[in-house]
Amino acid sequence: ENALWQEKERAQVTLASIGDAVLTTDVDGNVTYLNP
């Protein structure tokens, strides 16, 4: 869980710092995440 949390933190920091907009959805097309 700690390793997963660290990986998630790195991913969120990366997504928050890149210049592109990133949006994720579940398999039903419902939004699950938007980066800044």
ModelCIF file with pLDDT and N, C-alpha, C, O atoms, coordinates in Angstrom:
data_MODEL
#
_entry.id   MODEL 
#
_entity.id                         1 
_entity.type                       polymer 
_entity.pdbx_number_of_molecules   1 
#
_entity_poly.entity_id                      1 
_entity_poly.type                           'polypeptide(L)' 
_entity_poly.nstd_linkage                   no 
_entity_poly.nstd_monomer                   no 
_entity_poly.pdbx_seq_one_letter_code       ENALWQEKERAQVTLASIGDAVLTTDVDGNVTYLNP 
_entity_poly.pdbx_seq_one_letter_code_can   ENALWQEKERAQVTLASIGDAVLTTDVDGNVTYLNP 
_entity_poly.pdbx_strand_id                 A 
#
loop_
_entity_poly_seq.entity_id 
_entity_poly_seq.num 
_entity_poly_seq.mon_id 
_entity_poly_seq.hetero 
1 1  GLU n 
1 2  ASN n 
1 3  ALA n 
1 4  LEU n 
1 5  TRP n 
1 6  GLN n 
1 7  GLU n 
1 8  LYS n 
1 9  GLU n 
1 10 ARG n 
1 11 ALA n 
1 12 GLN n 
1 13 VAL n 
1 14 THR n 
1 15 LEU n 
1 16 ALA n 
1 17 SER n 
1 18 ILE n 
1 19 GLY n 
1 20 ASP n 
1 21 ALA n 
1 22 VAL n 
1 23 LEU n 
1 24 THR n 
1 25 THR n 
1 26 ASP n 
1 27 VAL n 
1 28 ASP n 
1 29 GLY n 
1 30 ASN n 
1 31 VAL n 
1 32 THR n 
1 33 TYR n 
1 34 LEU n 
1 35 ASN n 
1 36 PRO n 
#
_struct_asym.id          A 
_struct_asym.entity_id   1 
#
loop_
_ma_qa_metric.id 
_ma_qa_metric.mode 
_ma_qa_metric.name 
_ma_qa_metric.software_group_id 
_ma_qa_metric.type 
1 global pLDDT . pLDDT 
2 local  pLDDT . pLDDT 
#
_ma_qa_metric_global.metric_id      1 
_ma_qa_metric_global.metric_value   76.36 
_ma_qa_metric_global.model_id       1 
_ma_qa_metric_global.ordinal_id     1 
#
loop_
_ma_qa_metric_local.label_asym_id 
_ma_qa_metric_local.label_comp_id 
_ma_qa_metric_local.label_seq_id 
_ma_qa_metric_local.metric_id 
_ma_qa_metric_local.metric_value 
_ma_qa_metric_local.model_id 
_ma_qa_metric_local.ordinal_id 
A GLU 1  2 65.00 1 1  
A ASN 2  2 66.00 1 2  
A ALA 3  2 64.00 1 3  
A LEU 4  2 64.00 1 4  
A TRP 5  2 65.00 1 5  
A GLN 6  2 67.00 1 6  
A GLU 7  2 64.00 1 7  
A LYS 8  2 64.00 1 8  
A GLU 9  2 63.00 1 9  
A ARG 10 2 64.00 1 10 
A ALA 11 2 61.00 1 11 
A GLN 12 2 64.00 1 12 
A VAL 13 2 61.00 1 13 
A THR 14 2 58.00 1 14 
A LEU 15 2 61.00 1 15 
A ALA 16 2 59.00 1 16 
A SER 17 2 59.00 1 17 
A ILE 18 2 71.00 1 18 
A GLY 19 2 71.00 1 19 
A ASP 20 2 84.00 1 20 
A ALA 21 2 87.00 1 21 
A VAL 22 2 89.00 1 22 
A LEU 23 2 89.00 1 23 
A THR 24 2 91.00 1 24 
A THR 25 2 93.00 1 25 
A ASP 26 2 93.00 1 26 
A VAL 27 2 90.00 1 27 
A ASP 28 2 92.00 1 28 
A GLY 29 2 91.00 1 29 
A ASN 30 2 94.00 1 30 
A VAL 31 2 93.00 1 31 
A THR 32 2 92.00 1 32 
A TYR 33 2 91.00 1 33 
A LEU 34 2 91.00 1 34 
A ASN 35 2 89.00 1 35 
A PRO 36 2 89.00 1 36 
#
loop_
_atom_site.group_PDB 
_atom_site.id 
_atom_site.type_symbol 
_atom_site.label_atom_id 
_atom_site.label_alt_id 
_atom_site.label_comp_id 
_atom_site.label_asym_id 
_atom_site.label_entity_id 
_atom_site.label_seq_id 
_atom_site.pdbx_PDB_ins_code 
_atom_site.Cartn_x 
_atom_site.Cartn_y 
_atom_site.Cartn_z 
_atom_site.occupancy 
_atom_site.B_iso_or_equiv 
_atom_site.pdbx_formal_charge 
_atom_site.auth_seq_id 
_atom_site.auth_comp_id 
_atom_site.auth_asym_id 
_atom_site.auth_atom_id 
_atom_site.pdbx_PDB_model_num 
ATOM 1   N N  . GLU A 1 1  ? 0.830   -1.203 0.000   1.00 65.00 ? 1  GLU A N  1 
ATOM 2   C CA . GLU A 1 1  ? 0.000   0.000  0.000   1.00 65.00 ? 1  GLU A CA 1 
ATOM 3   C C  . GLU A 1 1  ? 0.864   1.253  0.000   1.00 65.00 ? 1  GLU A C  1 
ATOM 4   O O  . GLU A 1 1  ? 0.549   2.230  -0.679  1.00 65.00 ? 1  GLU A O  1 
ATOM 5   N N  . ASN A 1 2  ? 1.963   1.224  0.768   1.00 66.00 ? 2  ASN A N  1 
ATOM 6   C CA . ASN A 1 2  ? 2.869   2.377  0.790   1.00 66.00 ? 2  ASN A CA 1 
ATOM 7   C C  . ASN A 1 2  ? 3.498   2.597  -0.581  1.00 66.00 ? 2  ASN A C  1 
ATOM 8   O O  . ASN A 1 2  ? 3.610   3.726  -1.060  1.00 66.00 ? 2  ASN A O  1 
ATOM 9   N N  . ALA A 1 3  ? 3.911   1.480  -1.206  1.00 64.00 ? 3  ALA A N  1 
ATOM 10  C CA . ALA A 1 3  ? 4.510   1.585  -2.540  1.00 64.00 ? 3  ALA A CA 1 
ATOM 11  C C  . ALA A 1 3  ? 3.487   2.119  -3.534  1.00 64.00 ? 3  ALA A C  1 
ATOM 12  O O  . ALA A 1 3  ? 3.803   2.957  -4.378  1.00 64.00 ? 3  ALA A O  1 
ATOM 13  N N  . LEU A 1 4  ? 2.237   1.613  -3.421  1.00 64.00 ? 4  LEU A N  1 
ATOM 14  C CA . LEU A 1 4  ? 1.181   2.078  -4.315  1.00 64.00 ? 4  LEU A CA 1 
ATOM 15  C C  . LEU A 1 4  ? 0.882   3.550  -4.072  1.00 64.00 ? 4  LEU A C  1 
ATOM 16  O O  . LEU A 1 4  ? 0.674   4.309  -5.019  1.00 64.00 ? 4  LEU A O  1 
ATOM 17  N N  . TRP A 1 5  ? 0.859   3.957  -2.796  1.00 65.00 ? 5  TRP A N  1 
ATOM 18  C CA . TRP A 1 5  ? 0.600   5.349  -2.472  1.00 65.00 ? 5  TRP A CA 1 
ATOM 19  C C  . TRP A 1 5  ? 1.688   6.247  -3.043  1.00 65.00 ? 5  TRP A C  1 
ATOM 20  O O  . TRP A 1 5  ? 1.394   7.300  -3.608  1.00 65.00 ? 5  TRP A O  1 
ATOM 21  N N  . GLN A 1 6  ? 2.950   5.832  -2.897  1.00 67.00 ? 6  GLN A N  1 
ATOM 22  C CA . GLN A 1 6  ? 4.048   6.620  -3.436  1.00 67.00 ? 6  GLN A CA 1 
ATOM 23  C C  . GLN A 1 6  ? 3.958   6.713  -4.955  1.00 67.00 ? 6  GLN A C  1 
ATOM 24  O O  . GLN A 1 6  ? 4.204   7.763  -5.548  1.00 67.00 ? 6  GLN A O  1 
ATOM 25  N N  . GLU A 1 7  ? 3.596   5.572  -5.577  1.00 64.00 ? 7  GLU A N  1 
ATOM 26  C CA . GLU A 1 7  ? 3.451   5.582  -7.032  1.00 64.00 ? 7  GLU A CA 1 
ATOM 27  C C  . GLU A 1 7  ? 2.317   6.513  -7.447  1.00 64.00 ? 7  GLU A C  1 
ATOM 28  O O  . GLU A 1 7  ? 2.433   7.243  -8.431  1.00 64.00 ? 7  GLU A O  1 
ATOM 29  N N  . LYS A 1 8  ? 1.222   6.483  -6.692  1.00 64.00 ? 8  LYS A N  1 
ATOM 30  C CA . LYS A 1 8  ? 0.093   7.357  -6.987  1.00 64.00 ? 8  LYS A CA 1 
ATOM 31  C C  . LYS A 1 8  ? 0.487   8.818  -6.801  1.00 64.00 ? 8  LYS A C  1 
ATOM 32  O O  . LYS A 1 8  ? 0.112   9.676  -7.600  1.00 64.00 ? 8  LYS A O  1 
ATOM 33  N N  . GLU A 1 9  ? 1.251   9.098  -5.731  1.00 63.00 ? 9  GLU A N  1 
ATOM 34  C CA . GLU A 1 9  ? 1.693   10.463 -5.497  1.00 63.00 ? 9  GLU A CA 1 
ATOM 35  C C  . GLU A 1 9  ? 2.563   10.959 -6.645  1.00 63.00 ? 9  GLU A C  1 
ATOM 36  O O  . GLU A 1 9  ? 2.407   12.082 -7.124  1.00 63.00 ? 9  GLU A O  1 
ATOM 37  N N  . ARG A 1 10 ? 3.488   10.091 -7.078  1.00 64.00 ? 10 ARG A N  1 
ATOM 38  C CA . ARG A 1 10 ? 4.353   10.482 -8.205  1.00 64.00 ? 10 ARG A CA 1 
ATOM 39  C C  . ARG A 1 10 ? 3.522   10.742 -9.456  1.00 64.00 ? 10 ARG A C  1 
ATOM 40  O O  . ARG A 1 10 ? 3.761   11.700 -10.191 1.00 64.00 ? 10 ARG A O  1 
ATOM 41  N N  . ALA A 1 11 ? 2.531   9.862  -9.684  1.00 61.00 ? 11 ALA A N  1 
ATOM 42  C CA . ALA A 1 11 ? 1.686   10.024 -10.869 1.00 61.00 ? 11 ALA A CA 1 
ATOM 43  C C  . ALA A 1 11 ? 0.892   11.329 -10.798 1.00 61.00 ? 11 ALA A C  1 
ATOM 44  O O  . ALA A 1 11 ? 0.770   12.045 -11.792 1.00 61.00 ? 11 ALA A O  1 
ATOM 45  N N  . GLN A 1 12 ? 0.347   11.635 -9.600  1.00 64.00 ? 12 GLN A N  1 
ATOM 46  C CA . GLN A 1 12 ? -0.433  12.858 -9.466  1.00 64.00 ? 12 GLN A CA 1 
ATOM 47  C C  . GLN A 1 12 ? 0.431   14.101 -9.602  1.00 64.00 ? 12 GLN A C  1 
ATOM 48  O O  . GLN A 1 12 ? 0.009   15.096 -10.193 1.00 64.00 ? 12 GLN A O  1 
ATOM 49  N N  . VAL A 1 13 ? 1.661   14.045 -9.046  1.00 61.00 ? 13 VAL A N  1 
ATOM 50  C CA . VAL A 1 13 ? 2.579   15.179 -9.200  1.00 61.00 ? 13 VAL A CA 1 
ATOM 51  C C  . VAL A 1 13 ? 2.932   15.375 -10.666 1.00 61.00 ? 13 VAL A C  1 
ATOM 52  O O  . VAL A 1 13 ? 3.002   16.499 -11.164 1.00 61.00 ? 13 VAL A O  1 
ATOM 53  N N  . THR A 1 14 ? 3.154   14.245 -11.349 1.00 58.00 ? 14 THR A N  1 
ATOM 54  C CA . THR A 1 14 ? 3.483   14.311 -12.781 1.00 58.00 ? 14 THR A CA 1 
ATOM 55  C C  . THR A 1 14 ? 2.323   14.897 -13.568 1.00 58.00 ? 14 THR A C  1 
ATOM 56  O O  . THR A 1 14 ? 2.510   15.795 -14.389 1.00 58.00 ? 14 THR A O  1 
ATOM 57  N N  . LEU A 1 15 ? 1.113   14.382 -13.312 1.00 61.00 ? 15 LEU A N  1 
ATOM 58  C CA . LEU A 1 15 ? -0.058  14.862 -14.046 1.00 61.00 ? 15 LEU A CA 1 
ATOM 59  C C  . LEU A 1 15 ? -0.337  16.328 -13.749 1.00 61.00 ? 15 LEU A C  1 
ATOM 60  O O  . LEU A 1 15 ? -0.799  17.073 -14.614 1.00 61.00 ? 15 LEU A O  1 
ATOM 61  N N  . ALA A 1 16 ? -0.049  16.736 -12.504 1.00 59.00 ? 16 ALA A N  1 
ATOM 62  C CA . ALA A 1 16 ? -0.311  18.120 -12.126 1.00 59.00 ? 16 ALA A CA 1 
ATOM 63  C C  . ALA A 1 16 ? 0.702   19.079 -12.737 1.00 59.00 ? 16 ALA A C  1 
ATOM 64  O O  . ALA A 1 16 ? 0.412   20.264 -12.898 1.00 59.00 ? 16 ALA A O  1 
ATOM 65  N N  . SER A 1 17 ? 1.883   18.579 -13.077 1.00 59.00 ? 17 SER A N  1 
ATOM 66  C CA . SER A 1 17 ? 2.944   19.462 -13.543 1.00 59.00 ? 17 SER A CA 1 
ATOM 67  C C  . SER A 1 17 ? 3.085   19.497 -15.060 1.00 59.00 ? 17 SER A C  1 
ATOM 68  O O  . SER A 1 17 ? 3.727   20.402 -15.592 1.00 59.00 ? 17 SER A O  1 
ATOM 69  N N  . ILE A 1 18 ? 2.499   18.533 -15.767 1.00 71.00 ? 18 ILE A N  1 
ATOM 70  C CA . ILE A 1 18 ? 2.643   18.540 -17.227 1.00 71.00 ? 18 ILE A CA 1 
ATOM 71  C C  . ILE A 1 18 ? 1.743   19.608 -17.828 1.00 71.00 ? 18 ILE A C  1 
ATOM 72  O O  . ILE A 1 18 ? 0.791   20.058 -17.191 1.00 71.00 ? 18 ILE A O  1 
ATOM 73  N N  . GLY A 1 19 ? 2.049   20.012 -19.060 1.00 71.00 ? 19 GLY A N  1 
ATOM 74  C CA . GLY A 1 19 ? 1.300   21.075 -19.716 1.00 71.00 ? 19 GLY A CA 1 
ATOM 75  C C  . GLY A 1 19 ? 0.008   20.620 -20.338 1.00 71.00 ? 19 GLY A C  1 
ATOM 76  O O  . GLY A 1 19 ? -0.849  21.454 -20.631 1.00 71.00 ? 19 GLY A O  1 
ATOM 77  N N  . ASP A 1 20 ? -0.176  19.312 -20.557 1.00 84.00 ? 20 ASP A N  1 
ATOM 78  C CA . ASP A 1 20 ? -1.390  18.815 -21.182 1.00 84.00 ? 20 ASP A CA 1 
ATOM 79  C C  . ASP A 1 20 ? -2.498  18.617 -20.158 1.00 84.00 ? 20 ASP A C  1 
ATOM 80  O O  . ASP A 1 20 ? -2.244  18.368 -18.980 1.00 84.00 ? 20 ASP A O  1 
ATOM 81  N N  . ALA A 1 21 ? -3.724  18.734 -20.631 1.00 87.00 ? 21 ALA A N  1 
ATOM 82  C CA . ALA A 1 21 ? -4.877  18.423 -19.795 1.00 87.00 ? 21 ALA A CA 1 
ATOM 83  C C  . ALA A 1 21 ? -5.108  16.921 -19.826 1.00 87.00 ? 21 ALA A C  1 
ATOM 84  O O  . ALA A 1 21 ? -5.031  16.298 -20.884 1.00 87.00 ? 21 ALA A O  1 
ATOM 85  N N  . VAL A 1 22 ? -5.390  16.342 -18.666 1.00 89.00 ? 22 VAL A N  1 
ATOM 86  C CA . VAL A 1 22 ? -5.616  14.897 -18.561 1.00 89.00 ? 22 VAL A CA 1 
ATOM 87  C C  . VAL A 1 22 ? -6.943  14.660 -17.859 1.00 89.00 ? 22 VAL A C  1 
ATOM 88  O O  . VAL A 1 22 ? -7.214  15.221 -16.797 1.00 89.00 ? 22 VAL A O  1 
ATOM 89  N N  . LEU A 1 23 ? -7.759  13.820 -18.470 1.00 89.00 ? 23 LEU A N  1 
ATOM 90  C CA . LEU A 1 23 ? -9.059  13.455 -17.908 1.00 89.00 ? 23 LEU A CA 1 
ATOM 91  C C  . LEU A 1 23 ? -9.187  11.927 -17.989 1.00 89.00 ? 23 LEU A C  1 
ATOM 92  O O  . LEU A 1 23 ? -8.884  11.329 -19.021 1.00 89.00 ? 23 LEU A O  1 
ATOM 93  N N  . THR A 1 24 ? -9.640  11.298 -16.889 1.00 91.00 ? 24 THR A N  1 
ATOM 94  C CA . THR A 1 24 ? -9.838  9.849  -16.909 1.00 91.00 ? 24 THR A CA 1 
ATOM 95  C C  . THR A 1 24 ? -11.289 9.523  -16.603 1.00 91.00 ? 24 THR A C  1 
ATOM 96  O O  . THR A 1 24 ? -11.981 10.272 -15.913 1.00 91.00 ? 24 THR A O  1 
ATOM 97  N N  . THR A 1 25 ? -11.739 8.381  -17.134 1.00 93.00 ? 25 THR A N  1 
ATOM 98  C CA . THR A 1 25 ? -13.099 7.912  -16.890 1.00 93.00 ? 25 THR A CA 1 
ATOM 99  C C  . THR A 1 25 ? -13.065 6.437  -16.521 1.00 93.00 ? 25 THR A C  1 
ATOM 100 O O  . THR A 1 25 ? -12.064 5.750  -16.723 1.00 93.00 ? 25 THR A O  1 
ATOM 101 N N  . ASP A 1 26 ? -14.192 5.961  -15.969 1.00 93.00 ? 26 ASP A N  1 
ATOM 102 C CA . ASP A 1 26 ? -14.326 4.526  -15.763 1.00 93.00 ? 26 ASP A CA 1 
ATOM 103 C C  . ASP A 1 26 ? -14.858 3.898  -17.042 1.00 93.00 ? 26 ASP A C  1 
ATOM 104 O O  . ASP A 1 26 ? -15.007 4.579  -18.057 1.00 93.00 ? 26 ASP A O  1 
ATOM 105 N N  . VAL A 1 27 ? -15.142 2.606  -16.995 1.00 90.00 ? 27 VAL A N  1 
ATOM 106 C CA . VAL A 1 27 ? -15.565 1.894  -18.197 1.00 90.00 ? 27 VAL A CA 1 
ATOM 107 C C  . VAL A 1 27 ? -16.951 2.329  -18.652 1.00 90.00 ? 27 VAL A C  1 
ATOM 108 O O  . VAL A 1 27 ? -17.331 2.062  -19.792 1.00 90.00 ? 27 VAL A O  1 
ATOM 109 N N  . ASP A 1 28 ? -17.717 2.995  -17.787 1.00 92.00 ? 28 ASP A N  1 
ATOM 110 C CA . ASP A 1 28 ? -19.052 3.478  -18.147 1.00 92.00 ? 28 ASP A CA 1 
ATOM 111 C C  . ASP A 1 28 ? -19.042 4.919  -18.624 1.00 92.00 ? 28 ASP A C  1 
ATOM 112 O O  . ASP A 1 28 ? -20.099 5.502  -18.860 1.00 92.00 ? 28 ASP A O  1 
ATOM 113 N N  . GLY A 1 29 ? -17.857 5.498  -18.768 1.00 91.00 ? 29 GLY A N  1 
ATOM 114 C CA . GLY A 1 29 ? -17.768 6.856  -19.265 1.00 91.00 ? 29 GLY A CA 1 
ATOM 115 C C  . GLY A 1 29 ? -18.008 7.927  -18.229 1.00 91.00 ? 29 GLY A C  1 
ATOM 116 O O  . GLY A 1 29 ? -18.294 9.072  -18.580 1.00 91.00 ? 29 GLY A O  1 
ATOM 117 N N  . ASN A 1 30 ? -17.897 7.579  -16.950 1.00 94.00 ? 30 ASN A N  1 
ATOM 118 C CA . ASN A 1 30 ? -18.039 8.558  -15.872 1.00 94.00 ? 30 ASN A CA 1 
ATOM 119 C C  . ASN A 1 30 ? -16.670 9.107  -15.488 1.00 94.00 ? 30 ASN A C  1 
ATOM 120 O O  . ASN A 1 30 ? -15.710 8.350  -15.345 1.00 94.00 ? 30 ASN A O  1 
ATOM 121 N N  . VAL A 1 31 ? -16.582 10.399 -15.326 1.00 93.00 ? 31 VAL A N  1 
ATOM 122 C CA . VAL A 1 31 ? -15.308 11.052 -15.029 1.00 93.00 ? 31 VAL A CA 1 
ATOM 123 C C  . VAL A 1 31 ? -14.788 10.624 -13.661 1.00 93.00 ? 31 VAL A C  1 
ATOM 124 O O  . VAL A 1 31 ? -15.535 10.604 -12.683 1.00 93.00 ? 31 VAL A O  1 
ATOM 125 N N  . THR A 1 32 ? -13.502 10.281 -13.600 1.00 92.00 ? 32 THR A N  1 
ATOM 126 C CA . THR A 1 32 ? -12.882 9.889  -12.330 1.00 92.00 ? 32 THR A CA 1 
ATOM 127 C C  . THR A 1 32 ? -11.756 10.832 -11.909 1.00 92.00 ? 32 THR A C  1 
ATOM 128 O O  . THR A 1 32 ? -11.385 10.863 -10.736 1.00 92.00 ? 32 THR A O  1 
ATOM 129 N N  . TYR A 1 33 ? -11.206 11.606 -12.857 1.00 91.00 ? 33 TYR A N  1 
ATOM 130 C CA . TYR A 1 33 ? -10.081 12.486 -12.478 1.00 91.00 ? 33 TYR A CA 1 
ATOM 131 C C  . TYR A 1 33 ? -9.888  13.571 -13.520 1.00 91.00 ? 33 TYR A C  1 
ATOM 132 O O  . TYR A 1 33 ? -10.036 13.344 -14.721 1.00 91.00 ? 33 TYR A O  1 
ATOM 133 N N  . LEU A 1 34 ? -9.548  14.775 -13.023 1.00 91.00 ? 34 LEU A N  1 
ATOM 134 C CA . LEU A 1 34 ? -9.116  15.892 -13.874 1.00 91.00 ? 34 LEU A CA 1 
ATOM 135 C C  . LEU A 1 34 ? -7.840  16.465 -13.279 1.00 91.00 ? 34 LEU A C  1 
ATOM 136 O O  . LEU A 1 34 ? -7.779  16.726 -12.078 1.00 91.00 ? 34 LEU A O  1 
ATOM 137 N N  . ASN A 1 35 ? -6.822  16.662 -14.107 1.00 89.00 ? 35 ASN A N  1 
ATOM 138 C CA . ASN A 1 35 ? -5.639  17.330 -13.576 1.00 89.00 ? 35 ASN A CA 1 
ATOM 139 C C  . ASN A 1 35 ? -5.853  18.845 -13.638 1.00 89.00 ? 35 ASN A C  1 
ATOM 140 O O  . ASN A 1 35 ? -6.821  19.289 -14.255 1.00 89.00 ? 35 ASN A O  1 
ATOM 141 N N  . PRO A 1 36 ? -4.990  19.645 -13.023 1.00 89.00 ? 36 PRO A N  1 
ATOM 142 C CA . PRO A 1 36 ? -5.219  21.098 -12.965 1.00 89.00 ? 36 PRO A CA 1 
ATOM 143 C C  . PRO A 1 36 ? -5.409  21.760 -14.328 1.00 89.00 ? 36 PRO A C  1 
ATOM 144 O O  . PRO A 1 36 ? -5.607  22.972 -14.404 1.00 89.00 ? 36 PRO A O  1 
#
